[in-house]
Amino acid sequence: EAGASAIFIHARTRAQGYSGKANWNIIKEVVDSVGIPVIGNGDILSY
């Protein structure tokens, strides 16, 4: 709503830091909630 052209989301909380597992379900929820591109981040270690 504020005018950004895309959102990048690391699917971990601040409390997790870089530990634990990224919750990709959050990425899907964000994709379904906005009309601008959403780029997912977290636990991409292979093709």
All heavy atoms as atom14 arrays in JSON, in Angstrom:
{
  "sequence": "EAGASAIFIHARTRAQGYSGKANWNIIKEVVDSVGIPVIGNGDILSY",
  "atom14_mask": [
    [1, 1, 1, 1, 1, 1, 1, 1, 1, 0, 0, 0, 0, 0],
    [1, 1, 1, 1, 1, 0, 0, 0, 0, 0, 0, 0, 0, 0],
    [1, 1, 1, 1, 0, 0, 0, 0, 0, 0, 0, 0, 0, 0],
    [1, 1, 1, 1, 1, 0, 0, 0, 0, 0, 0, 0, 0, 0],
    [1, 1, 1, 1, 1, 1, 0, 0, 0, 0, 0, 0, 0, 0],
    [1, 1, 1, 1, 1, 0, 0, 0, 0, 0, 0, 0, 0, 0],
    [1, 1, 1, 1, 1, 1, 1, 1, 0, 0, 0, 0, 0, 0],
    [1, 1, 1, 1, 1, 1, 1, 1, 1, 1, 1, 0, 0, 0],
    [1, 1, 1, 1, 1, 1, 1, 1, 0, 0, 0, 0, 0, 0],
    [1, 1, 1, 1, 1, 1, 1, 1, 1, 1, 0, 0, 0, 0],
    [1, 1, 1, 1, 1, 0, 0, 0, 0, 0, 0, 0, 0, 0],
    [1, 1, 1, 1, 1, 1, 1, 1, 1, 1, 1, 0, 0, 0],
    [1, 1, 1, 1, 1, 1, 1, 0, 0, 0, 0, 0, 0, 0],
    [1, 1, 1, 1, 1, 1, 1, 1, 1, 1, 1, 0, 0, 0],
    [1, 1, 1, 1, 1, 0, 0, 0, 0, 0, 0, 0, 0, 0],
    [1, 1, 1, 1, 1, 1, 1, 1, 1, 0, 0, 0, 0, 0],
    [1, 1, 1, 1, 0, 0, 0, 0, 0, 0, 0, 0, 0, 0],
    [1, 1, 1, 1, 1, 1, 1, 1, 1, 1, 1, 1, 0, 0],
    [1, 1, 1, 1, 1, 1, 0, 0, 0, 0, 0, 0, 0, 0],
    [1, 1, 1, 1, 0, 0, 0, 0, 0, 0, 0, 0, 0, 0],
    [1, 1, 1, 1, 1, 1, 1, 1, 1, 0, 0, 0, 0, 0],
    [1, 1, 1, 1, 1, 0, 0, 0, 0, 0, 0, 0, 0, 0],
    [1, 1, 1, 1, 1, 1, 1, 1, 0, 0, 0, 0, 0, 0],
    [1, 1, 1, 1, 1, 1, 1, 1, 1, 1, 1, 1, 1, 1],
    [1, 1, 1, 1, 1, 1, 1, 1, 0, 0, 0, 0, 0, 0],
    [1, 1, 1, 1, 1, 1, 1, 1, 0, 0, 0, 0, 0, 0],
    [1, 1, 1, 1, 1, 1, 1, 1, 0, 0, 0, 0, 0, 0],
    [1, 1, 1, 1, 1, 1, 1, 1, 1, 0, 0, 0, 0, 0],
    [1, 1, 1, 1, 1, 1, 1, 1, 1, 0, 0, 0, 0, 0],
    [1, 1, 1, 1, 1, 1, 1, 0, 0, 0, 0, 0, 0, 0],
    [1, 1, 1, 1, 1, 1, 1, 0, 0, 0, 0, 0, 0, 0],
    [1, 1, 1, 1, 1, 1, 1, 1, 0, 0, 0, 0, 0, 0],
    [1, 1, 1, 1, 1, 1, 0, 0, 0, 0, 0, 0, 0, 0],
    [1, 1, 1, 1, 1, 1, 1, 0, 0, 0, 0, 0, 0, 0],
    [1, 1, 1, 1, 0, 0, 0, 0, 0, 0, 0, 0, 0, 0],
    [1, 1, 1, 1, 1, 1, 1, 1, 0, 0, 0, 0, 0, 0],
    [1, 1, 1, 1, 1, 1, 1, 0, 0, 0, 0, 0, 0, 0],
    [1, 1, 1, 1, 1, 1, 1, 0, 0, 0, 0, 0, 0, 0],
    [1, 1, 1, 1, 1, 1, 1, 1, 0, 0, 0, 0, 0, 0],
    [1, 1, 1, 1, 0, 0, 0, 0, 0, 0, 0, 0, 0, 0],
    [1, 1, 1, 1, 1, 1, 1, 1, 0, 0, 0, 0, 0, 0],
    [1, 1, 1, 1, 0, 0, 0, 0, 0, 0, 0, 0, 0, 0],
    [1, 1, 1, 1, 1, 1, 1, 1, 0, 0, 0, 0, 0, 0],
    [1, 1, 1, 1, 1, 1, 1, 1, 0, 0, 0, 0, 0, 0],
    [1, 1, 1, 1, 1, 1, 1, 1, 0, 0, 0, 0, 0, 0],
    [1, 1, 1, 1, 1, 1, 0, 0, 0, 0, 0, 0, 0, 0],
    [1, 1, 1, 1, 1, 1, 1, 1, 1, 1, 1, 1, 0, 0]
  ],
  "atom14_positions": [
    [[0.82, -1.22, 0.0], [0.0, 0.0, 0.0], [0.85, 1.26, 0.0], [0.46, 2.28, -0.56], [-0.93, 0.0, 1.22], [-2.02, -1.05, 1.16], [-2.71, -1.25, 2.5], [-2.35, -0.53, 3.46], [-3.59, -2.13, 2.6], [0.0, 0.0, 0.0], [0.0, 0.0, 0.0], [0.0, 0.0, 0.0], [0.0, 0.0, 0.0], [0.0, 0.0, 0.0]],
    [[2.04, 1.17, 0.61], [2.91, 2.34, 0.7], [3.7, 2.59, -0.58], [4.4, 3.61, -0.68], [3.87, 2.17, 1.88], [0.0, 0.0, 0.0], [0.0, 0.0, 0.0], [0.0, 0.0, 0.0], [0.0, 0.0, 0.0], [0.0, 0.0, 0.0], [0.0, 0.0, 0.0], [0.0, 0.0, 0.0], [0.0, 0.0, 0.0], [0.0, 0.0, 0.0]],
    [[3.61, 1.68, -1.53], [4.19, 1.95, -2.84], [5.4, 1.12, -3.25], [6.01, 1.39, -4.28], [0.0, 0.0, 0.0], [0.0, 0.0, 0.0], [0.0, 0.0, 0.0], [0.0, 0.0, 0.0], [0.0, 0.0, 0.0], [0.0, 0.0, 0.0], [0.0, 0.0, 0.0], [0.0, 0.0, 0.0], [0.0, 0.0, 0.0], [0.0, 0.0, 0.0]],
    [[5.77, 0.11, -2.46], [6.92, -0.73, -2.83], [6.59, -1.58, -4.06], [5.43, -1.89, -4.33], [7.32, -1.62, -1.66], [0.0, 0.0, 0.0], [0.0, 0.0, 0.0], [0.0, 0.0, 0.0], [0.0, 0.0, 0.0], [0.0, 0.0, 0.0], [0.0, 0.0, 0.0], [0.0, 0.0, 0.0], [0.0, 0.0, 0.0], [0.0, 0.0, 0.0]],
    [[7.64, -1.96, -4.79], [7.48, -2.72, -6.02], [7.68, -4.2, -5.86], [7.35, -4.99, -6.76], [8.44, -2.19, -7.09], [8.14, -0.85, -7.42], [0.0, 0.0, 0.0], [0.0, 0.0, 0.0], [0.0, 0.0, 0.0], [0.0, 0.0, 0.0], [0.0, 0.0, 0.0], [0.0, 0.0, 0.0], [0.0, 0.0, 0.0], [0.0, 0.0, 0.0]],
    [[8.26, -4.65, -4.73], [8.47, -6.07, -4.47], [8.8, -6.27, -3.01], [9.26, -5.34, -2.32], [9.59, -6.64, -5.35], [0.0, 0.0, 0.0], [0.0, 0.0, 0.0], [0.0, 0.0, 0.0], [0.0, 0.0, 0.0], [0.0, 0.0, 0.0], [0.0, 0.0, 0.0], [0.0, 0.0, 0.0], [0.0, 0.0, 0.0], [0.0, 0.0, 0.0]],
    [[8.59, -7.5, -2.54], [8.88, -7.86, -1.15], [9.75, -9.11, -1.14], [9.44, -10.11, -1.8], [7.59, -8.14, -0.36], [6.73, -6.87, -0.27], [7.91, -8.66, 1.04], [5.33, -7.12, 0.25], [0.0, 0.0, 0.0], [0.0, 0.0, 0.0], [0.0, 0.0, 0.0], [0.0, 0.0, 0.0], [0.0, 0.0, 0.0], [0.0, 0.0, 0.0]],
    [[10.83, -9.05, -0.4], [11.69, -10.21, -0.19], [11.46, -10.68, 1.24], [11.56, -9.88, 2.18], [13.16, -9.84, -0.39], [13.48, -9.41, -1.8], [13.17, -8.14, -2.26], [14.1, -10.3, -2.67], [13.45, -7.75, -3.55], [14.39, -9.92, -3.98], [14.07, -8.64, -4.42], [0.0, 0.0, 0.0], [0.0, 0.0, 0.0], [0.0, 0.0, 0.0]],
    [[11.16, -11.95, 1.42], [10.88, -12.44, 2.77], [11.76, -13.63, 3.13], [11.75, -14.66, 2.45], [9.39, -12.79, 2.97], [9.2, -13.44, 4.34], [8.85, -13.65, 1.84], [7.77, -13.55, 4.8], [0.0, 0.0, 0.0], [0.0, 0.0, 0.0], [0.0, 0.0, 0.0], [0.0, 0.0, 0.0], [0.0, 0.0, 0.0], [0.0, 0.0, 0.0]],
    [[12.52, -13.45, 4.2], [13.27, -14.55, 4.8], [12.3, -15.21, 5.79], [11.87, -14.58, 6.75], [14.51, -14.01, 5.52], [15.38, -15.09, 6.07], [16.72, -14.89, 6.33], [15.14, -16.39, 6.41], [17.25, -16.0, 6.81], [16.3, -16.92, 6.87], [0.0, 0.0, 0.0], [0.0, 0.0, 0.0], [0.0, 0.0, 0.0], [0.0, 0.0, 0.0]],
    [[12.01, -16.47, 5.54], [10.94, -17.14, 6.28], [11.39, -17.67, 7.64], [11.09, -18.81, 8.02], [10.35, -18.26, 5.44], [0.0, 0.0, 0.0], [0.0, 0.0, 0.0], [0.0, 0.0, 0.0], [0.0, 0.0, 0.0], [0.0, 0.0, 0.0], [0.0, 0.0, 0.0], [0.0, 0.0, 0.0], [0.0, 0.0, 0.0], [0.0, 0.0, 0.0]],
    [[12.12, -16.85, 8.37], [12.46, -17.1, 9.77], [12.09, -15.87, 10.58], [12.01, -14.76, 10.04], [13.96, -17.39, 9.94], [14.43, -18.75, 9.48], [15.93, -18.92, 9.76], [16.39, -20.28, 9.52], [16.79, -20.74, 8.33], [16.79, -19.91, 7.28], [17.19, -21.99, 8.19], [0.0, 0.0, 0.0], [0.0, 0.0, 0.0], [0.0, 0.0, 0.0]],
    [[11.9, -16.05, 11.87], [11.66, -14.91, 12.75], [12.99, -14.29, 13.15], [14.06, -14.9, 13.0], [10.92, -15.33, 14.02], [11.76, -16.22, 14.77], [9.6, -16.02, 13.69], [0.0, 0.0, 0.0], [0.0, 0.0, 0.0], [0.0, 0.0, 0.0], [0.0, 0.0, 0.0], [0.0, 0.0, 0.0], [0.0, 0.0, 0.0], [0.0, 0.0, 0.0]],
    [[12.9, -13.1, 13.73], [14.1, -12.47, 14.25], [14.7, -13.32, 15.37], [15.92, -13.47, 15.47], [13.76, -11.07, 14.77], [15.0, -10.26, 15.18], [15.36, -10.44, 16.65], [16.74, -10.03, 16.9], [17.35, -10.14, 18.05], [16.72, -10.67, 19.09], [18.6, -9.77, 18.2], [0.0, 0.0, 0.0], [0.0, 0.0, 0.0], [0.0, 0.0, 0.0]],
    [[13.85, -13.91, 16.19], [14.32, -14.74, 17.3], [15.11, -15.95, 16.8], [16.05, -16.4, 17.45], [13.15, -15.19, 18.16], [0.0, 0.0, 0.0], [0.0, 0.0, 0.0], [0.0, 0.0, 0.0], [0.0, 0.0, 0.0], [0.0, 0.0, 0.0], [0.0, 0.0, 0.0], [0.0, 0.0, 0.0], [0.0, 0.0, 0.0], [0.0, 0.0, 0.0]],
    [[14.76, -16.49, 15.65], [15.48, -17.62, 15.09], [16.87, -17.26, 14.61], [17.77, -18.09, 14.6], [14.7, -18.22, 13.89], [13.55, -19.11, 14.26], [12.88, -19.66, 13.01], [12.08, -18.99, 12.38], [13.24, -20.88, 12.63], [0.0, 0.0, 0.0], [0.0, 0.0, 0.0], [0.0, 0.0, 0.0], [0.0, 0.0, 0.0], [0.0, 0.0, 0.0]],
    [[17.04, -16.02, 14.2], [18.3, -15.64, 13.58], [18.47, -16.43, 12.3], [17.66, -16.36, 11.39], [0.0, 0.0, 0.0], [0.0, 0.0, 0.0], [0.0, 0.0, 0.0], [0.0, 0.0, 0.0], [0.0, 0.0, 0.0], [0.0, 0.0, 0.0], [0.0, 0.0, 0.0], [0.0, 0.0, 0.0], [0.0, 0.0, 0.0], [0.0, 0.0, 0.0]],
    [[19.54, -17.22, 12.25], [19.79, -18.07, 11.08], [19.72, -19.55, 11.45], [20.19, -20.41, 10.71], [21.16, -17.74, 10.46], [21.22, -16.31, 9.99], [21.85, -15.33, 10.76], [20.63, -15.92, 8.8], [21.88, -14.01, 10.35], [20.66, -14.59, 8.38], [21.29, -13.65, 9.16], [21.33, -12.35, 8.75], [0.0, 0.0, 0.0], [0.0, 0.0, 0.0]],
    [[19.11, -19.83, 12.59], [19.01, -21.21, 13.06], [17.63, -21.79, 12.76], [16.72, -21.09, 12.31], [19.28, -21.26, 14.57], [18.26, -20.58, 15.28], [0.0, 0.0, 0.0], [0.0, 0.0, 0.0], [0.0, 0.0, 0.0], [0.0, 0.0, 0.0], [0.0, 0.0, 0.0], [0.0, 0.0, 0.0], [0.0, 0.0, 0.0], [0.0, 0.0, 0.0]],
    [[17.49, -23.07, 13.05], [16.19, -23.7, 12.84], [15.83, -23.8, 11.37], [16.66, -23.61, 10.48], [0.0, 0.0, 0.0], [0.0, 0.0, 0.0], [0.0, 0.0, 0.0], [0.0, 0.0, 0.0], [0.0, 0.0, 0.0], [0.0, 0.0, 0.0], [0.0, 0.0, 0.0], [0.0, 0.0, 0.0], [0.0, 0.0, 0.0], [0.0, 0.0, 0.0]],
    [[14.57, -24.06, 11.12], [14.09, -24.25, 9.75], [13.22, -23.09, 9.31], [12.41, -22.58, 10.07], [13.29, -25.57, 9.67], [12.93, -25.97, 8.26], [12.22, -27.32, 8.26], [11.84, -27.73, 6.83], [11.12, -29.03, 6.82], [0.0, 0.0, 0.0], [0.0, 0.0, 0.0], [0.0, 0.0, 0.0], [0.0, 0.0, 0.0], [0.0, 0.0, 0.0]],
    [[13.4, -22.66, 8.07], [12.55, -21.61, 7.5], [11.16, -22.16, 7.25], [11.0, -23.28, 6.76], [13.15, -21.09, 6.2], [0.0, 0.0, 0.0], [0.0, 0.0, 0.0], [0.0, 0.0, 0.0], [0.0, 0.0, 0.0], [0.0, 0.0, 0.0], [0.0, 0.0, 0.0], [0.0, 0.0, 0.0], [0.0, 0.0, 0.0], [0.0, 0.0, 0.0]],
    [[10.15, -21.37, 7.59], [8.75, -21.78, 7.41], [8.23, -21.23, 6.09], [7.75, -20.11, 6.03], [7.91, -21.28, 8.58], [6.46, -21.73, 8.49], [6.05, -22.36, 7.52], [5.68, -21.42, 9.51], [0.0, 0.0, 0.0], [0.0, 0.0, 0.0], [0.0, 0.0, 0.0], [0.0, 0.0, 0.0], [0.0, 0.0, 0.0], [0.0, 0.0, 0.0]],
    [[8.31, -22.04, 5.06], [7.91, -21.58, 3.73], [6.41, -21.3, 3.63], [5.97, -20.61, 2.72], [8.32, -22.6, 2.68], [9.81, -22.7, 2.48], [10.78, -22.0, 3.14], [10.49, -23.56, 1.57], [12.03, -22.37, 2.68], [11.87, -23.34, 1.72], [10.06, -24.51, 0.64], [12.84, -24.01, 0.97], [11.02, -25.2, -0.11], [12.39, -24.94, 0.06]],
    [[5.61, -21.84, 4.55], [4.17, -21.54, 4.53], [3.91, -20.04, 4.67], [2.94, -19.52, 4.11], [3.46, -22.28, 5.66], [3.43, -23.78, 5.44], [3.41, -24.26, 4.31], [3.44, -24.55, 6.52], [0.0, 0.0, 0.0], [0.0, 0.0, 0.0], [0.0, 0.0, 0.0], [0.0, 0.0, 0.0], [0.0, 0.0, 0.0], [0.0, 0.0, 0.0]],
    [[4.8, -19.36, 5.41], [4.67, -17.91, 5.57], [4.85, -17.21, 4.22], [4.15, -16.24, 3.91], [5.7, -17.37, 6.58], [5.53, -18.06, 7.95], [5.59, -15.86, 6.72], [4.23, -17.75, 8.63], [0.0, 0.0, 0.0], [0.0, 0.0, 0.0], [0.0, 0.0, 0.0], [0.0, 0.0, 0.0], [0.0, 0.0, 0.0], [0.0, 0.0, 0.0]],
    [[5.78, -17.72, 3.42], [6.0, -17.13, 2.1], [4.73, -17.23, 1.27], [4.3, -16.27, 0.62], [7.18, -17.82, 1.38], [8.48, -17.64, 2.18], [7.35, -17.26, -0.03], [9.66, -18.43, 1.6], [0.0, 0.0, 0.0], [0.0, 0.0, 0.0], [0.0, 0.0, 0.0], [0.0, 0.0, 0.0], [0.0, 0.0, 0.0], [0.0, 0.0, 0.0]],
    [[4.11, -18.42, 1.29], [2.87, -18.61, 0.52], [1.77, -17.66, 1.0], [1.02, -17.09, 0.19], [2.4, -20.06, 0.63], [1.18, -20.35, -0.26], [0.75, -21.79, -0.17], [-0.29, -22.12, -1.22], [-1.33, -21.1, -1.42], [0.0, 0.0, 0.0], [0.0, 0.0, 0.0], [0.0, 0.0, 0.0], [0.0, 0.0, 0.0], [0.0, 0.0, 0.0]],
    [[1.67, -17.48, 2.31], [0.66, -16.57, 2.85], [0.88, -15.14, 2.37], [-0.06, -14.41, 2.04], [0.67, -16.61, 4.38], [0.15, -17.93, 4.96], [0.32, -18.02, 6.46], [0.66, -16.98, 7.08], [0.13, -19.12, 7.02], [0.0, 0.0, 0.0], [0.0, 0.0, 0.0], [0.0, 0.0, 0.0], [0.0, 0.0, 0.0], [0.0, 0.0, 0.0]],
    [[2.14, -14.73, 2.3], [2.45, -13.38, 1.81], [2.14, -13.28, 0.32], [1.55, -12.29, -0.13], [3.93, -13.03, 2.09], [4.31, -11.72, 1.41], [4.19, -12.93, 3.58], [0.0, 0.0, 0.0], [0.0, 0.0, 0.0], [0.0, 0.0, 0.0], [0.0, 0.0, 0.0], [0.0, 0.0, 0.0], [0.0, 0.0, 0.0], [0.0, 0.0, 0.0]],
    [[2.52, -14.3, -0.45], [2.21, -14.32, -1.88], [0.71, -14.15, -2.11], [0.28, -13.38, -2.99], [2.69, -15.64, -2.52], [2.14, -15.79, -3.94], [4.22, -15.7, -2.55], [0.0, 0.0, 0.0], [0.0, 0.0, 0.0], [0.0, 0.0, 0.0], [0.0, 0.0, 0.0], [0.0, 0.0, 0.0], [0.0, 0.0, 0.0], [0.0, 0.0, 0.0]],
    [[-0.09, -14.85, -1.31], [-1.54, -14.81, -1.48], [-2.17, -13.49, -1.02], [-3.33, -13.21, -1.34], [-2.19, -15.96, -0.71], [-1.85, -17.32, -1.3], [-1.43, -17.37, -2.47], [-1.99, -18.33, -0.58], [0.0, 0.0, 0.0], [0.0, 0.0, 0.0], [0.0, 0.0, 0.0], [0.0, 0.0, 0.0], [0.0, 0.0, 0.0], [0.0, 0.0, 0.0]],
    [[-1.4, -12.69, -0.28], [-1.99, -11.48, 0.31], [-1.68, -10.2, -0.44], [-2.3, -9.17, -0.17], [-1.52, -11.33, 1.76], [-0.14, -10.99, 1.82], [0.0, 0.0, 0.0], [0.0, 0.0, 0.0], [0.0, 0.0, 0.0], [0.0, 0.0, 0.0], [0.0, 0.0, 0.0], [0.0, 0.0, 0.0], [0.0, 0.0, 0.0], [0.0, 0.0, 0.0]],
    [[-0.73, -10.24, -1.37], [-0.35, -9.01, -2.1], [-0.32, -9.25, -3.59], [-0.3, -10.39, -4.06], [1.03, -8.49, -1.63], [0.99, -8.1, -0.15], [2.13, -9.51, -1.89], [0.0, 0.0, 0.0], [0.0, 0.0, 0.0], [0.0, 0.0, 0.0], [0.0, 0.0, 0.0], [0.0, 0.0, 0.0], [0.0, 0.0, 0.0], [0.0, 0.0, 0.0]],
    [[-0.27, -8.15, -4.33], [-0.24, -8.24, -5.79], [1.12, -7.97, -6.4], [1.3, -8.15, -7.61], [0.0, 0.0, 0.0], [0.0, 0.0, 0.0], [0.0, 0.0, 0.0], [0.0, 0.0, 0.0], [0.0, 0.0, 0.0], [0.0, 0.0, 0.0], [0.0, 0.0, 0.0], [0.0, 0.0, 0.0], [0.0, 0.0, 0.0], [0.0, 0.0, 0.0]],
    [[2.08, -7.52, -5.6], [3.42, -7.27, -6.1], [4.27, -8.53, -5.97], [3.91, -9.44, -5.21], [4.08, -6.08, -5.36], [4.12, -6.34, -3.85], [3.38, -4.79, -5.7], [4.82, -5.25, -3.06], [0.0, 0.0, 0.0], [0.0, 0.0, 0.0], [0.0, 0.0, 0.0], [0.0, 0.0, 0.0], [0.0, 0.0, 0.0], [0.0, 0.0, 0.0]],
    [[5.37, -8.62, -6.71], [6.21, -9.82, -6.62], [6.72, -10.1, -5.21], [7.1, -9.18, -4.48], [7.38, -9.51, -7.57], [6.83, -8.51, -8.53], [5.88, -7.68, -7.73], [0.0, 0.0, 0.0], [0.0, 0.0, 0.0], [0.0, 0.0, 0.0], [0.0, 0.0, 0.0], [0.0, 0.0, 0.0], [0.0, 0.0, 0.0], [0.0, 0.0, 0.0]],
    [[6.7, -11.36, -4.83], [7.24, -11.81, -3.55], [8.37, -12.78, -3.85], [8.19, -13.73, -4.61], [6.16, -12.51, -2.69], [6.77, -13.08, -1.41], [5.03, -11.53, -2.36], [0.0, 0.0, 0.0], [0.0, 0.0, 0.0], [0.0, 0.0, 0.0], [0.0, 0.0, 0.0], [0.0, 0.0, 0.0], [0.0, 0.0, 0.0], [0.0, 0.0, 0.0]],
    [[9.52, -12.53, -3.25], [10.7, -13.37, -3.48], [11.01, -14.09, -2.18], [11.17, -13.47, -1.13], [11.9, -12.52, -3.94], [11.57, -11.82, -5.27], [13.14, -13.4, -4.11], [10.8, -10.53, -5.16], [0.0, 0.0, 0.0], [0.0, 0.0, 0.0], [0.0, 0.0, 0.0], [0.0, 0.0, 0.0], [0.0, 0.0, 0.0], [0.0, 0.0, 0.0]],
    [[11.08, -15.42, -2.24], [11.29, -16.23, -1.05], [12.75, -16.45, -0.73], [13.59, -16.6, -1.63], [0.0, 0.0, 0.0], [0.0, 0.0, 0.0], [0.0, 0.0, 0.0], [0.0, 0.0, 0.0], [0.0, 0.0, 0.0], [0.0, 0.0, 0.0], [0.0, 0.0, 0.0], [0.0, 0.0, 0.0], [0.0, 0.0, 0.0], [0.0, 0.0, 0.0]],
    [[13.05, -16.5, 0.56], [14.43, -16.65, 1.03], [14.43, -17.56, 2.25], [13.57, -17.47, 3.1], [14.98, -15.25, 1.37], [16.39, -15.25, 1.93], [16.73, -14.39, 2.73], [17.23, -16.17, 1.52], [0.0, 0.0, 0.0], [0.0, 0.0, 0.0], [0.0, 0.0, 0.0], [0.0, 0.0, 0.0], [0.0, 0.0, 0.0], [0.0, 0.0, 0.0]],
    [[15.43, -18.46, 2.32], [15.56, -19.34, 3.47], [15.66, -20.8, 3.1], [14.73, -21.37, 2.49], [0.0, 0.0, 0.0], [0.0, 0.0, 0.0], [0.0, 0.0, 0.0], [0.0, 0.0, 0.0], [0.0, 0.0, 0.0], [0.0, 0.0, 0.0], [0.0, 0.0, 0.0], [0.0, 0.0, 0.0], [0.0, 0.0, 0.0], [0.0, 0.0, 0.0]],
    [[16.81, -21.42, 3.41], [17.04, -22.85, 3.21], [17.08, -23.28, 1.75], [16.67, -24.39, 1.41], [15.98, -23.68, 3.95], [16.08, -23.53, 5.46], [17.11, -23.02, 5.93], [15.13, -23.94, 6.16], [0.0, 0.0, 0.0], [0.0, 0.0, 0.0], [0.0, 0.0, 0.0], [0.0, 0.0, 0.0], [0.0, 0.0, 0.0], [0.0, 0.0, 0.0]],
    [[17.61, -22.44, 0.88], [17.85, -22.85, -0.51], [19.3, -23.32, -0.59], [20.23, -22.51, -0.68], [17.61, -21.7, -1.51], [16.2, -21.15, -1.39], [17.88, -22.17, -2.95], [15.12, -22.09, -1.83], [0.0, 0.0, 0.0], [0.0, 0.0, 0.0], [0.0, 0.0, 0.0], [0.0, 0.0, 0.0], [0.0, 0.0, 0.0], [0.0, 0.0, 0.0]],
    [[19.49, -24.63, -0.56], [20.84, -25.2, -0.57], [21.11, -26.05, -1.8], [22.21, -26.58, -1.96], [21.05, -26.04, 0.7], [20.88, -25.29, 2.03], [21.01, -26.24, 3.19], [21.89, -24.15, 2.14], [0.0, 0.0, 0.0], [0.0, 0.0, 0.0], [0.0, 0.0, 0.0], [0.0, 0.0, 0.0], [0.0, 0.0, 0.0], [0.0, 0.0, 0.0]],
    [[20.09, -26.18, -2.67], [20.27, -26.97, -3.89], [19.25, -26.51, -4.92], [18.29, -25.79, -4.61], [20.05, -28.45, -3.61], [18.67, -28.72, -3.34], [0.0, 0.0, 0.0], [0.0, 0.0, 0.0], [0.0, 0.0, 0.0], [0.0, 0.0, 0.0], [0.0, 0.0, 0.0], [0.0, 0.0, 0.0], [0.0, 0.0, 0.0], [0.0, 0.0, 0.0]],
    [[19.45, -26.94, -6.17], [18.49, -26.62, -7.22], [17.13, -27.23, -6.9], [16.08, -26.66, -7.26], [19.0, -27.1, -8.58], [19.0, -28.6, -8.76], [17.92, -29.24, -9.37], [20.07, -29.38, -8.34], [17.9, -30.62, -9.54], [20.07, -30.75, -8.5], [18.99, -31.37, -9.1], [18.97, -32.73, -9.25], [0.0, 0.0, 0.0], [0.0, 0.0, 0.0]]
  ]
}
